């Protein structure tokens, strides 16, 4: 999925996904047929888990990238590229959805 247009969008976790830290890993588990990948459990590294937890439906990707840049002491452009790529992957897998849109059931 393309990252075009994601920077100024606020996303939120899909209601069809449960996120948990288990044995040092951050797991994203689709729990209903609404999520695109019911046969998979997704894992995220530490930065990915921070990004996922920052998805509150209010913060835009650009703001999340700034926060990641500060927390992990990386340049903002690298953080922006990584955040947009990760969000694109999550969106394509149905693990997150645009804020303000009613969930499809």
PDB file of N, CA and C in Angstrom:
ATOM      1  N   UNK A   1       0.848  -1.179   0.000  1.00  0.00           N
ATOM      2  CA  UNK A   1       0.000   0.000   0.000  1.00  0.00           C
ATOM      3  C   UNK A   1       0.891   1.239   0.000  1.00  0.00           C
ATOM      4  N   UNK A   2       0.476   2.250  -0.715  1.00  0.00           N
ATOM      5  CA  UNK A   2       1.245   3.484  -0.859  1.00  0.00           C
ATOM      6  C   UNK A   2       1.195   4.318   0.426  1.00  0.00           C
ATOM      7  N   UNK A   3       2.265   5.074   0.642  1.00  0.00           N
ATOM      8  CA  UNK A   3       2.294   5.974   1.795  1.00  0.00           C
ATOM      9  C   UNK A   3       1.732   7.348   1.448  1.00  0.00           C
ATOM     10  N   UNK A   4       1.382   7.557   0.178  1.00  0.00           N
ATOM     11  CA  UNK A   4       0.848   8.853  -0.259  1.00  0.00           C
ATOM     12  C   UNK A   4      -0.410   9.196   0.529  1.00  0.00           C
ATOM     13  N   UNK A   5      -0.437  10.394   1.067  1.00  0.00           N
ATOM     14  CA  UNK A   5      -1.606  10.860   1.799  1.00  0.00           C
ATOM     15  C   UNK A   5      -1.686  10.427   3.249  1.00  0.00           C
ATOM     16  N   UNK A   6      -0.778   9.567   3.689  1.00  0.00           N
ATOM     17  CA  UNK A   6      -0.847   9.087   5.077  1.00  0.00           C
ATOM     18  C   UNK A   6      -0.333  10.101   6.092  1.00  0.00           C
ATOM     19  N   UNK A   7       0.584  10.959   5.682  1.00  0.00           N
ATOM     20  CA  UNK A   7       1.247  11.848   6.639  1.00  0.00           C
ATOM     21  C   UNK A   7       0.271  12.753   7.379  1.00  0.00           C
ATOM     22  N   UNK A   8      -0.761  13.204   6.696  1.00  0.00           N
ATOM     23  CA  UNK A   8      -1.718  14.136   7.311  1.00  0.00           C
ATOM     24  C   UNK A   8      -2.981  13.429   7.794  1.00  0.00           C
ATOM     25  N   UNK A   9      -2.942  12.108   7.895  1.00  0.00           N
ATOM     26  CA  UNK A   9      -4.121  11.369   8.344  1.00  0.00           C
ATOM     27  C   UNK A   9      -3.939  10.870   9.769  1.00  0.00           C
ATOM     28  N   UNK A  10      -5.028  10.884  10.489  1.00  0.00           N
ATOM     29  CA  UNK A  10      -5.039  10.289  11.828  1.00  0.00           C
ATOM     30  C   UNK A  10      -5.638   8.893  11.692  1.00  0.00           C
ATOM     31  N   UNK A  11      -4.968   7.926  12.274  1.00  0.00           N
ATOM     32  CA  UNK A  11      -5.441   6.545  12.232  1.00  0.00           C
ATOM     33  C   UNK A  11      -5.720   6.068  13.647  1.00  0.00           C
ATOM     34  N   UNK A  12      -6.468   5.004  13.741  1.00  0.00           N
ATOM     35  CA  UNK A  12      -6.746   4.370  15.034  1.00  0.00           C
ATOM     36  C   UNK A  12      -6.682   2.860  14.834  1.00  0.00           C
ATOM     37  N   UNK A  13      -6.423   2.117  15.904  1.00  0.00           N
ATOM     38  CA  UNK A  13      -6.438   0.662  15.782  1.00  0.00           C
ATOM     39  C   UNK A  13      -7.826   0.178  15.372  1.00  0.00           C
ATOM     40  N   UNK A  14      -7.856  -0.850  14.568  1.00  0.00           N
ATOM     41  CA  UNK A  14      -9.123  -1.464  14.202  1.00  0.00           C
ATOM     42  C   UNK A  14      -9.742  -2.092  15.448  1.00  0.00           C
ATOM     43  N   UNK A  15     -11.065  -2.019  15.586  1.00  0.00           N
ATOM     44  CA  UNK A  15     -11.693  -2.694  16.726  1.00  0.00           C
ATOM     45  C   UNK A  15     -11.600  -4.216  16.612  1.00  0.00           C
ATOM     46  N   UNK A  16     -11.150  -4.700  15.463  1.00  0.00           N
ATOM     47  CA  UNK A  16     -11.025  -6.132  15.228  1.00  0.00           C
ATOM     48  C   UNK A  16      -9.626  -6.663  15.524  1.00  0.00           C
ATOM     49  N   UNK A  17      -8.821  -5.872  16.233  1.00  0.00           N
ATOM     50  CA  UNK A  17      -7.439  -6.254  16.531  1.00  0.00           C
ATOM     51  C   UNK A  17      -7.172  -6.105  18.023  1.00  0.00           C
ATOM     52  N   UNK A  18      -6.495  -7.097  18.575  1.00  0.00           N
ATOM     53  CA  UNK A  18      -6.048  -7.042  19.965  1.00  0.00           C
ATOM     54  C   UNK A  18      -4.527  -6.931  19.936  1.00  0.00           C
ATOM     55  N   UNK A  19      -3.987  -6.021  20.719  1.00  0.00           N
ATOM     56  CA  UNK A  19      -2.537  -5.833  20.800  1.00  0.00           C
ATOM     57  C   UNK A  19      -2.078  -6.175  22.213  1.00  0.00           C
ATOM     58  N   UNK A  20      -1.048  -7.016  22.300  1.00  0.00           N
ATOM     59  CA  UNK A  20      -0.526  -7.434  23.604  1.00  0.00           C
ATOM     60  C   UNK A  20       0.975  -7.632  23.530  1.00  0.00           C
ATOM     61  N   UNK A  21       1.637  -7.387  24.662  1.00  0.00           N
ATOM     62  CA  UNK A  21       3.061  -7.712  24.781  1.00  0.00           C
ATOM     63  C   UNK A  21       3.128  -9.095  25.424  1.00  0.00           C
ATOM     64  N   UNK A  22       3.783 -10.022  24.729  1.00  0.00           N
ATOM     65  CA  UNK A  22       3.904 -11.393  25.205  1.00  0.00           C
ATOM     66  C   UNK A  22       5.357 -11.831  25.037  1.00  0.00           C
ATOM     67  N   UNK A  23       5.966 -12.252  26.116  1.00  0.00           N
ATOM     68  CA  UNK A  23       7.344 -12.753  26.094  1.00  0.00           C
ATOM     69  C   UNK A  23       8.288 -11.802  25.368  1.00  0.00           C
ATOM     70  N   UNK A  24       8.145 -10.514  25.648  1.00  0.00           N
ATOM     71  CA  UNK A  24       9.038  -9.525  25.069  1.00  0.00           C
ATOM     72  C   UNK A  24       8.709  -9.103  23.649  1.00  0.00           C
ATOM     73  N   UNK A  25       7.646  -9.648  23.069  1.00  0.00           N
ATOM     74  CA  UNK A  25       7.239  -9.261  21.719  1.00  0.00           C
ATOM     75  C   UNK A  25       5.889  -8.566  21.774  1.00  0.00           C
ATOM     76  N   UNK A  26       5.668  -7.652  20.849  1.00  0.00           N
ATOM     77  CA  UNK A  26       4.401  -6.940  20.751  1.00  0.00           C
ATOM     78  C   UNK A  26       3.608  -7.600  19.637  1.00  0.00           C
ATOM     79  N   UNK A  27       2.470  -8.207  19.980  1.00  0.00           N
ATOM     80  CA  UNK A  27       1.664  -8.961  19.025  1.00  0.00           C
ATOM     81  C   UNK A  27       0.394  -8.209  18.665  1.00  0.00           C
ATOM     82  N   UNK A  28       0.048  -8.225  17.388  1.00  0.00           N
ATOM     83  CA  UNK A  28      -1.198  -7.664  16.881  1.00  0.00           C
ATOM     84  C   UNK A  28      -1.988  -8.833  16.312  1.00  0.00           C
ATOM     85  N   UNK A  29      -3.131  -9.119  16.939  1.00  0.00           N
ATOM     86  CA  UNK A  29      -3.892 -10.313  16.594  1.00  0.00           C
ATOM     87  C   UNK A  29      -5.272  -9.931  16.073  1.00  0.00           C
ATOM     88  N   UNK A  30      -5.571 -10.240  14.799  1.00  0.00           N
ATOM     89  CA  UNK A  30      -6.933 -10.022  14.293  1.00  0.00           C
ATOM     90  C   UNK A  30      -7.883 -10.977  15.018  1.00  0.00           C
ATOM     91  N   UNK A  31      -9.023 -10.467  15.480  1.00  0.00           N
ATOM     92  CA  UNK A  31      -9.941 -11.302  16.248  1.00  0.00           C
ATOM     93  C   UNK A  31     -11.313 -11.476  15.606  1.00  0.00           C
ATOM     94  N   UNK A  32     -11.549 -10.812  14.493  1.00  0.00           N
ATOM     95  CA  UNK A  32     -12.834 -10.946  13.799  1.00  0.00           C
ATOM     96  C   UNK A  32     -12.599 -11.020  12.308  1.00  0.00           C
ATOM     97  N   UNK A  33     -13.629 -11.407  11.599  1.00  0.00           N
ATOM     98  CA  UNK A  33     -13.515 -11.531  10.149  1.00  0.00           C
ATOM     99  C   UNK A  33     -13.332 -10.192   9.455  1.00  0.00           C
ATOM    100  N   UNK A  34     -13.527  -9.071  10.160  1.00  0.00           N
ATOM    101  CA  UNK A  34     -13.334  -7.760   9.555  1.00  0.00           C
ATOM    102  C   UNK A  34     -11.872  -7.446   9.278  1.00  0.00           C
ATOM    103  N   UNK A  35     -10.967  -8.067  10.000  1.00  0.00           N
ATOM    104  CA  UNK A  35      -9.545  -7.834   9.765  1.00  0.00           C
ATOM    105  C   UNK A  35      -9.108  -8.663   8.562  1.00  0.00           C
ATOM    106  N   UNK A  36      -8.225  -8.092   7.754  1.00  0.00           N
ATOM    107  CA  UNK A  36      -7.873  -8.694   6.469  1.00  0.00           C
ATOM    108  C   UNK A  36      -7.101 -10.005   6.601  1.00  0.00           C
ATOM    109  N   UNK A  37      -6.375 -10.218   7.680  1.00  0.00           N
ATOM    110  CA  UNK A  37      -5.471 -11.357   7.776  1.00  0.00           C
ATOM    111  C   UNK A  37      -5.798 -12.234   8.983  1.00  0.00           C
ATOM    112  N   UNK A  38      -6.951 -12.857   8.980  1.00  0.00           N
ATOM    113  CA  UNK A  38      -7.369 -13.671  10.121  1.00  0.00           C
ATOM    114  C   UNK A  38      -6.424 -14.839  10.405  1.00  0.00           C
ATOM    115  N   UNK A  39      -5.650 -15.268   9.424  1.00  0.00           N
ATOM    116  CA  UNK A  39      -4.774 -16.421   9.606  1.00  0.00           C
ATOM    117  C   UNK A  39      -3.391 -16.050  10.129  1.00  0.00           C
ATOM    118  N   UNK A  40      -3.180 -14.790  10.465  1.00  0.00           N
ATOM    119  CA  UNK A  40      -1.853 -14.325  10.841  1.00  0.00           C
ATOM    120  C   UNK A  40      -1.867 -13.614  12.185  1.00  0.00           C
ATOM    121  N   UNK A  41      -0.740 -13.707  12.863  1.00  0.00           N
ATOM    122  CA  UNK A  41      -0.460 -12.871  14.020  1.00  0.00           C
ATOM    123  C   UNK A  41       0.713 -11.998  13.599  1.00  0.00           C
ATOM    124  N   UNK A  42       0.588 -10.703  13.786  1.00  0.00           N
ATOM    125  CA  UNK A  42       1.626  -9.768  13.395  1.00  0.00           C
ATOM    126  C   UNK A  42       2.466  -9.413  14.614  1.00  0.00           C
ATOM    127  N   UNK A  43       3.761  -9.304  14.429  1.00  0.00           N
ATOM    128  CA  UNK A  43       4.642  -8.871  15.510  1.00  0.00           C
ATOM    129  C   UNK A  43       5.252  -7.525  15.142  1.00  0.00           C
ATOM    130  N   UNK A  44       5.507  -6.732  16.158  1.00  0.00           N
ATOM    131  CA  UNK A  44       6.122  -5.419  15.950  1.00  0.00           C
ATOM    132  C   UNK A  44       7.323  -5.297  16.874  1.00  0.00           C
ATOM    133  N   UNK A  45       8.349  -4.610  16.390  1.00  0.00           N
ATOM    134  CA  UNK A  45       9.509  -4.348  17.240  1.00  0.00           C
ATOM    135  C   UNK A  45       9.164  -3.213  18.208  1.00  0.00           C
ATOM    136  N   UNK A  46      10.141  -2.780  18.992  1.00  0.00           N
ATOM    137  CA  UNK A  46       9.885  -1.758  20.010  1.00  0.00           C
ATOM    138  C   UNK A  46       9.357  -0.464  19.397  1.00  0.00           C
ATOM    139  N   UNK A  47       9.961  -0.032  18.291  1.00  0.00           N
ATOM    140  CA  UNK A  47       9.492   1.200  17.648  1.00  0.00           C
ATOM    141  C   UNK A  47       8.082   1.003  17.103  1.00  0.00           C
ATOM    142  N   UNK A  48       7.822  -0.141  16.495  1.00  0.00           N
ATOM    143  CA  UNK A  48       6.480  -0.426  15.989  1.00  0.00           C
ATOM    144  C   UNK A  48       5.443  -0.435  17.094  1.00  0.00           C
ATOM    145  N   UNK A  49       5.805  -0.969  18.254  1.00  0.00           N
ATOM    146  CA  UNK A  49       4.849  -0.993  19.367  1.00  0.00           C
ATOM    147  C   UNK A  49       4.552   0.418  19.861  1.00  0.00           C
ATOM    148  N   UNK A  50       5.566   1.283  19.867  1.00  0.00           N
ATOM    149  CA  UNK A  50       5.347   2.680  20.259  1.00  0.00           C
ATOM    150  C   UNK A  50       4.429   3.361  19.250  1.00  0.00           C
ATOM    151  N   UNK A  51       4.698   3.168  17.969  1.00  0.00           N
ATOM    152  CA  UNK A  51       3.851   3.761  16.932  1.00  0.00           C
ATOM    153  C   UNK A  51       2.412   3.297  17.109  1.00  0.00           C
ATOM    154  N   UNK A  52       2.207   1.993  17.288  1.00  0.00           N
ATOM    155  CA  UNK A  52       0.846   1.464  17.417  1.00  0.00           C
ATOM    156  C   UNK A  52       0.142   2.064  18.630  1.00  0.00           C
ATOM    157  N   UNK A  53       0.849   2.195  19.740  1.00  0.00           N
ATOM    158  CA  UNK A  53       0.232   2.757  20.944  1.00  0.00           C
ATOM    159  C   UNK A  53      -0.086   4.240  20.794  1.00  0.00           C
ATOM    160  N   UNK A  54       0.616   4.935  19.899  1.00  0.00           N
ATOM    161  CA  UNK A  54       0.348   6.360  19.664  1.00  0.00           C
ATOM    162  C   UNK A  54      -0.850   6.592  18.738  1.00  0.00           C
ATOM    163  N   UNK A  55      -1.357   5.547  18.133  1.00  0.00           N
ATOM    164  CA  UNK A  55      -2.497   5.683  17.216  1.00  0.00           C
ATOM    165  C   UNK A  55      -3.779   5.853  18.024  1.00  0.00           C
ATOM    166  N   UNK A  56      -4.129   7.090  18.281  1.00  0.00           N
ATOM    167  CA  UNK A  56      -5.290   7.383  19.119  1.00  0.00           C
ATOM    168  C   UNK A  56      -6.446   7.997  18.337  1.00  0.00           C
ATOM    169  N   UNK A  57      -6.311   8.070  17.013  1.00  0.00           N
ATOM    170  CA  UNK A  57      -7.371   8.666  16.205  1.00  0.00           C
ATOM    171  C   UNK A  57      -7.298  10.178  16.135  1.00  0.00           C
ATOM    172  N   UNK A  58      -6.353  10.777  16.852  1.00  0.00           N
ATOM    173  CA  UNK A  58      -6.187  12.239  16.836  1.00  0.00           C
ATOM    174  C   UNK A  58      -4.840  12.649  16.251  1.00  0.00           C
ATOM    175  N   UNK A  59      -3.810  11.901  16.568  1.00  0.00           N
ATOM    176  CA  UNK A  59      -2.467  12.246  16.086  1.00  0.00           C
ATOM    177  C   UNK A  59      -2.318  11.858  14.619  1.00  0.00           C
ATOM    178  N   UNK A  60      -1.802  12.797  13.842  1.00  0.00           N
ATOM    179  CA  UNK A  60      -1.486  12.500  12.449  1.00  0.00           C
ATOM    180  C   UNK A  60      -0.124  11.817  12.391  1.00  0.00           C
ATOM    181  N   UNK A  61       0.147  11.152  11.293  1.00  0.00           N
ATOM    182  CA  UNK A  61       1.405  10.423  11.136  1.00  0.00           C
ATOM    183  C   UNK A  61       2.614  11.335  11.323  1.00  0.00           C
ATOM    184  N   UNK A  62       2.520  12.577  10.868  1.00  0.00           N
ATOM    185  CA  UNK A  62       3.639  13.513  11.020  1.00  0.00           C
ATOM    186  C   UNK A  62       3.963  13.757  12.496  1.00  0.00           C
ATOM    187  N   UNK A  63       2.944  13.864  13.323  1.00  0.00           N
ATOM    188  CA  UNK A  63       3.153  14.057  14.764  1.00  0.00           C
ATOM    189  C   UNK A  63       3.750  12.804  15.393  1.00  0.00           C
ATOM    190  N   UNK A  64       3.276  11.636  14.983  1.00  0.00           N
ATOM    191  CA  UNK A  64       3.823  10.385  15.498  1.00  0.00           C
ATOM    192  C   UNK A  64       5.300  10.273  15.116  1.00  0.00           C
ATOM    193  N   UNK A  65       5.641  10.640  13.893  1.00  0.00           N
ATOM    194  CA  UNK A  65       7.041  10.599  13.450  1.00  0.00           C
ATOM    195  C   UNK A  65       7.908  11.521  14.301  1.00  0.00           C
ATOM    196  N   UNK A  66       7.405  12.696  14.620  1.00  0.00           N
ATOM    197  CA  UNK A  66       8.157  13.629  15.464  1.00  0.00           C
ATOM    198  C   UNK A  66       8.407  13.022  16.844  1.00  0.00           C
ATOM    199  N   UNK A  67       7.377  12.401  17.427  1.00  0.00           N
ATOM    200  CA  UNK A  67       7.518  11.784  18.745  1.00  0.00           C
ATOM    201  C   UNK A  67       8.498  10.612  18.713  1.00  0.00           C
ATOM    202  N   UNK A  68       8.431   9.805  17.662  1.00  0.00           N
ATOM    203  CA  UNK A  68       9.367   8.682  17.509  1.00  0.00           C
ATOM    204  C   UNK A  68      10.793   9.207  17.368  1.00  0.00           C
ATOM    205  N   UNK A  69      10.959  10.264  16.591  1.00  0.00           N
ATOM    206  CA  UNK A  69      12.271  10.881  16.401  1.00  0.00           C
ATOM    207  C   UNK A  69      12.857  11.320  17.739  1.00  0.00           C
ATOM    208  N   UNK A  70      12.048  11.949  18.566  1.00  0.00           N
ATOM    209  CA  UNK A  70      12.510  12.409  19.878  1.00  0.00           C
ATOM    210  C   UNK A  70      12.816  11.247  20.812  1.00  0.00           C
ATOM    211  N   UNK A  71      11.917  10.273  20.873  1.00  0.00           N
ATOM    212  CA  UNK A  71      12.088   9.177  21.827  1.00  0.00           C
ATOM    213  C   UNK A  71      13.280   8.285  21.495  1.00  0.00           C
ATOM    214  N   UNK A  72      13.500   8.024  20.205  1.00  0.00           N
ATOM    215  CA  UNK A  72      14.562   7.103  19.807  1.00  0.00           C
ATOM    216  C   UNK A  72      15.804   7.816  19.270  1.00  0.00           C
ATOM    217  N   UNK A  73      15.800   9.143  19.350  1.00  0.00           N
ATOM    218  CA  UNK A  73      16.937   9.969  18.952  1.00  0.00           C
ATOM    219  C   UNK A  73      17.430   9.640  17.543  1.00  0.00           C
ATOM    220  N   UNK A  74      16.484   9.667  16.598  1.00  0.00           N
ATOM    221  CA  UNK A  74      16.806   9.501  15.181  1.00  0.00           C
ATOM    222  C   UNK A  74      16.339  10.757  14.459  1.00  0.00           C
ATOM    223  N   UNK A  75      16.907  10.999  13.275  1.00  0.00           N
ATOM    224  CA  UNK A  75      16.499  12.204  12.564  1.00  0.00           C
ATOM    225  C   UNK A  75      15.038  12.079  12.127  1.00  0.00           C
ATOM    226  N   UNK A  76      14.379  13.210  12.084  1.00  0.00           N
ATOM    227  CA  UNK A  76      12.935  13.227  11.841  1.00  0.00           C
ATOM    228  C   UNK A  76      12.565  12.678  10.466  1.00  0.00           C
ATOM    229  N   UNK A  77      13.393  12.892   9.466  1.00  0.00           N
ATOM    230  CA  UNK A  77      13.095  12.394   8.119  1.00  0.00           C
ATOM    231  C   UNK A  77      13.116  10.863   8.084  1.00  0.00           C
ATOM    232  N   UNK A  78      14.087  10.248   8.759  1.00  0.00           N
ATOM    233  CA  UNK A  78      14.134   8.781   8.838  1.00  0.00           C
ATOM    234  C   UNK A  78      12.934   8.246   9.604  1.00  0.00           C
ATOM    235  N   UNK A  79      12.607   8.898  10.713  1.00  0.00           N
ATOM    236  CA  UNK A  79      11.443   8.487  11.503  1.00  0.00           C
ATOM    237  C   UNK A  79      10.174   8.602  10.668  1.00  0.00           C
ATOM    238  N   UNK A  80      10.038   9.687   9.915  1.00  0.00           N
ATOM    239  CA  UNK A  80       8.862   9.906   9.075  1.00  0.00           C
ATOM    240  C   UNK A  80       8.715   8.775   8.052  1.00  0.00           C
ATOM    241  N   UNK A  81       9.809   8.438   7.371  1.00  0.00           N
ATOM    242  CA  UNK A  81       9.761   7.374   6.361  1.00  0.00           C
ATOM    243  C   UNK A  81       9.378   6.041   6.996  1.00  0.00           C
ATOM    244  N   UNK A  82       9.967   5.721   8.143  1.00  0.00           N
ATOM    245  CA  UNK A  82       9.668   4.456   8.822  1.00  0.00           C
ATOM    246  C   UNK A  82       8.231   4.412   9.331  1.00  0.00           C
ATOM    247  N   UNK A  83       7.760   5.505   9.910  1.00  0.00           N
ATOM    248  CA  UNK A  83       6.384   5.564  10.416  1.00  0.00           C
ATOM    249  C   UNK A  83       5.400   5.392   9.266  1.00  0.00           C
ATOM    250  N   UNK A  84       5.619   6.092   8.164  1.00  0.00           N
ATOM    251  CA  UNK A  84       4.700   5.991   7.028  1.00  0.00           C
ATOM    252  C   UNK A  84       4.682   4.587   6.437  1.00  0.00           C
ATOM    253  N   UNK A  85       5.840   3.952   6.347  1.00  0.00           N
ATOM    254  CA  UNK A  85       5.896   2.585   5.825  1.00  0.00           C
ATOM    255  C   UNK A  85       5.158   1.618   6.755  1.00  0.00           C
ATOM    256  N   UNK A  86       5.386   1.751   8.057  1.00  0.00           N
ATOM    257  CA  UNK A  86       4.724   0.880   9.029  1.00  0.00           C
ATOM    258  C   UNK A  86       3.210   1.083   9.002  1.00  0.00           C
ATOM    259  N   UNK A  87       2.769   2.342   8.973  1.00  0.00           N
ATOM    260  CA  UNK A  87       1.329   2.619   8.936  1.00  0.00           C
ATOM    261  C   UNK A  87       0.696   2.107   7.655  1.00  0.00           C
ATOM    262  N   UNK A  88       1.401   2.209   6.550  1.00  0.00           N
ATOM    263  CA  UNK A  88       0.897   1.692   5.284  1.00  0.00           C
ATOM    264  C   UNK A  88       0.693   0.180   5.366  1.00  0.00           C
ATOM    265  N   UNK A  89       1.646  -0.512   5.982  1.00  0.00           N
ATOM    266  CA  UNK A  89       1.537  -1.959   6.160  1.00  0.00           C
ATOM    267  C   UNK A  89       0.349  -2.308   7.053  1.00  0.00           C
ATOM    268  N   UNK A  90       0.212  -1.594   8.171  1.00  0.00           N
ATOM    269  CA  UNK A  90      -0.903  -1.847   9.088  1.00  0.00           C
ATOM    270  C   UNK A  90      -2.245  -1.584   8.413  1.00  0.00           C
ATOM    271  N   UNK A  91      -2.326  -0.502   7.663  1.00  0.00           N
ATOM    272  CA  UNK A  91      -3.568  -0.151   6.976  1.00  0.00           C
ATOM    273  C   UNK A  91      -3.914  -1.208   5.935  1.00  0.00           C
ATOM    274  N   UNK A  92      -2.926  -1.647   5.180  1.00  0.00           N
ATOM    275  CA  UNK A  92      -3.149  -2.673   4.165  1.00  0.00           C
ATOM    276  C   UNK A  92      -3.599  -4.002   4.749  1.00  0.00           C
ATOM    277  N   UNK A  93      -3.172  -4.295   5.978  1.00  0.00           N
ATOM    278  CA  UNK A  93      -3.544  -5.546   6.642  1.00  0.00           C
ATOM    279  C   UNK A  93      -4.848  -5.429   7.424  1.00  0.00           C
ATOM    280  N   UNK A  94      -5.439  -4.238   7.446  1.00  0.00           N
ATOM    281  CA  UNK A  94      -6.690  -4.056   8.178  1.00  0.00           C
ATOM    282  C   UNK A  94      -6.518  -3.947   9.679  1.00  0.00           C
ATOM    283  N   UNK A  95      -5.293  -3.675  10.139  1.00  0.00           N
ATOM    284  CA  UNK A  95      -5.032  -3.585  11.576  1.00  0.00           C
ATOM    285  C   UNK A  95      -5.316  -2.199  12.132  1.00  0.00           C
ATOM    286  N   UNK A  96      -5.351  -1.203  11.253  1.00  0.00           N
ATOM    287  CA  UNK A  96      -5.713   0.164  11.628  1.00  0.00           C
ATOM    288  C   UNK A  96      -6.703   0.688  10.599  1.00  0.00           C
ATOM    289  N   UNK A  97      -7.366   1.780  10.964  1.00  0.00           N
ATOM    290  CA  UNK A  97      -8.340   2.391  10.055  1.00  0.00           C
ATOM    291  C   UNK A  97      -8.288   3.901  10.229  1.00  0.00           C
ATOM    292  N   UNK A  98      -8.713   4.633   9.207  1.00  0.00           N
ATOM    293  CA  UNK A  98      -8.748   6.092   9.331  1.00  0.00           C
ATOM    294  C   UNK A  98      -9.691   6.519  10.450  1.00  0.00           C
ATOM    295  N   UNK A  99      -9.266   7.472  11.243  1.00  0.00           N
ATOM    296  CA  UNK A  99     -10.128   8.002  12.304  1.00  0.00           C
ATOM    297  C   UNK A  99     -11.269   8.768  11.658  1.00  0.00           C
ATOM    298  N   UNK A 100     -12.397   8.743  12.308  1.00  0.00           N
ATOM    299  CA  UNK A 100     -13.542   9.495  11.811  1.00  0.00           C
ATOM    300  C   UNK A 100     -14.403   8.724  10.841  1.00  0.00           C
ATOM    301  N   UNK A 101     -13.955   7.551  10.402  1.00  0.00           N
ATOM    302  CA  UNK A 101     -14.768   6.720   9.527  1.00  0.00           C
ATOM    303  C   UNK A 101     -15.384   5.608  10.354  1.00  0.00           C
ATOM    304  N   UNK A 102     -16.640   5.326  10.090  1.00  0.00           N
ATOM    305  CA  UNK A 102     -17.316   4.246  10.805  1.00  0.00           C
ATOM    306  C   UNK A 102     -16.704   2.917  10.389  1.00  0.00           C
ATOM    307  N   UNK A 103     -16.444   2.028  11.339  1.00  0.00           N
ATOM    308  CA  UNK A 103     -15.895   0.719  10.991  1.00  0.00           C
ATOM    309  C   UNK A 103     -16.871  -0.056  10.120  1.00  0.00           C
ATOM    310  N   UNK A 104     -16.320  -0.770   9.131  1.00  0.00           N
ATOM    311  CA  UNK A 104     -17.161  -1.625   8.294  1.00  0.00           C
ATOM    312  C   UNK A 104     -17.394  -2.930   9.022  1.00  0.00           C
ATOM    313  N   UNK A 105     -18.589  -3.401   8.997  1.00  0.00           N
ATOM    314  CA  UNK A 105     -18.929  -4.678   9.653  1.00  0.00           C
ATOM    315  C   UNK A 105     -19.558  -5.607   8.655  1.00  0.00           C
TER     316      UNK A 105
END
